[in-house]
Amino acid sequence: MRILYLLIPMALGVVGMALWAFLWAVRNGQFDDLEGPAHRILMDDDDPCIPRYRAGRKDDKSLDE
């Protein structure tokens, strides 16, 4: 019976910490867009990631400097 005096407050503490973590995640926007990253991986990027060198232009600052 004495162990209940220890286990009940410990269980309430764990539940309280889990509730705090959930509310923190909701307030910081962790659950705002659940499907966006899944759809974003399927979209193709039309822009090339590597800058291209344009020959013949003096003011080109891509790879010369």
Protein backbone atom coordinates (compact mmCIF):
# COMPACT_ATOMS: atom_id res chain seq x y z
CA MET A 1 0.00 0.00 0.00
CA ARG A 2 2.89 2.36 0.67
CA ILE A 3 4.19 1.97 -2.85
CA LEU A 4 1.04 3.66 -4.16
CA TYR A 5 2.08 6.86 -2.39
CA LEU A 6 5.16 6.83 -4.61
CA LEU A 7 3.75 5.46 -7.86
CA ILE A 8 0.68 7.69 -8.18
CA PRO A 9 2.64 11.00 -8.01
CA MET A 10 5.26 9.59 -10.37
CA ALA A 11 2.56 8.55 -12.86
CA LEU A 12 0.91 11.98 -12.61
CA GLY A 13 4.30 13.60 -13.22
CA VAL A 14 4.90 11.54 -16.35
CA VAL A 15 1.40 12.33 -17.65
CA GLY A 16 1.96 16.01 -16.91
CA MET A 17 5.26 16.05 -18.80
CA ALA A 18 3.68 14.28 -21.79
CA LEU A 19 0.81 16.79 -21.80
CA TRP A 20 3.26 19.69 -21.60
CA ALA A 21 5.30 18.28 -24.52
CA PHE A 22 2.16 17.84 -26.62
CA LEU A 23 0.91 21.37 -25.93
CA TRP A 24 4.37 22.79 -26.67
CA ALA A 25 4.42 21.00 -30.03
CA VAL A 26 0.93 22.26 -30.92
CA ARG A 27 1.79 25.87 -30.01
CA ASN A 28 5.02 25.80 -32.03
CA GLY A 29 3.31 24.57 -35.20
CA GLN A 30 4.64 21.02 -35.32
CA PHE A 31 1.27 19.68 -36.51
CA ASP A 32 0.29 22.48 -38.91
CA ASP A 33 1.11 20.79 -42.24
CA LEU A 34 1.31 17.02 -42.05
CA GLU A 35 0.86 16.28 -45.76
CA GLY A 36 2.99 19.06 -47.26
CA PRO A 37 6.39 17.34 -46.99
CA ALA A 38 4.96 14.13 -48.47
CA HIS A 39 3.66 16.01 -51.51
CA ARG A 40 6.70 18.26 -51.81
CA ILE A 41 9.01 15.28 -52.40
CA LEU A 42 6.98 14.34 -55.49
CA MET A 43 7.22 17.79 -57.09
CA ASP A 44 10.02 18.35 -59.58
CA ASP A 45 12.21 21.40 -59.27
CA ASP A 46 12.36 23.27 -62.56
CA ASP A 47 15.28 25.45 -61.44
CA PRO A 48 18.77 23.96 -61.75
CA CYS A 49 20.73 23.91 -58.51
CA ILE A 50 24.11 24.48 -60.17
CA PRO A 51 24.74 27.99 -61.53
CA ARG A 52 25.60 28.08 -65.22
CA TYR A 53 28.54 29.94 -66.69
CA ARG A 54 27.58 32.36 -69.44
CA ALA A 55 30.49 32.94 -71.81
CA GLY A 56 31.11 36.34 -73.30
CA ARG A 57 29.69 38.50 -70.53
CA LYS A 58 32.05 40.68 -68.55
CA ASP A 59 29.66 41.34 -65.68
CA ASP A 60 29.00 37.66 -64.97
CA LYS A 61 29.75 36.92 -61.32
CA SER A 62 28.85 33.23 -61.19
CA LEU A 63 32.15 31.32 -61.18
CA ASP A 64 34.87 33.77 -62.23
CA GLU A 65 35.60 35.29 -58.86
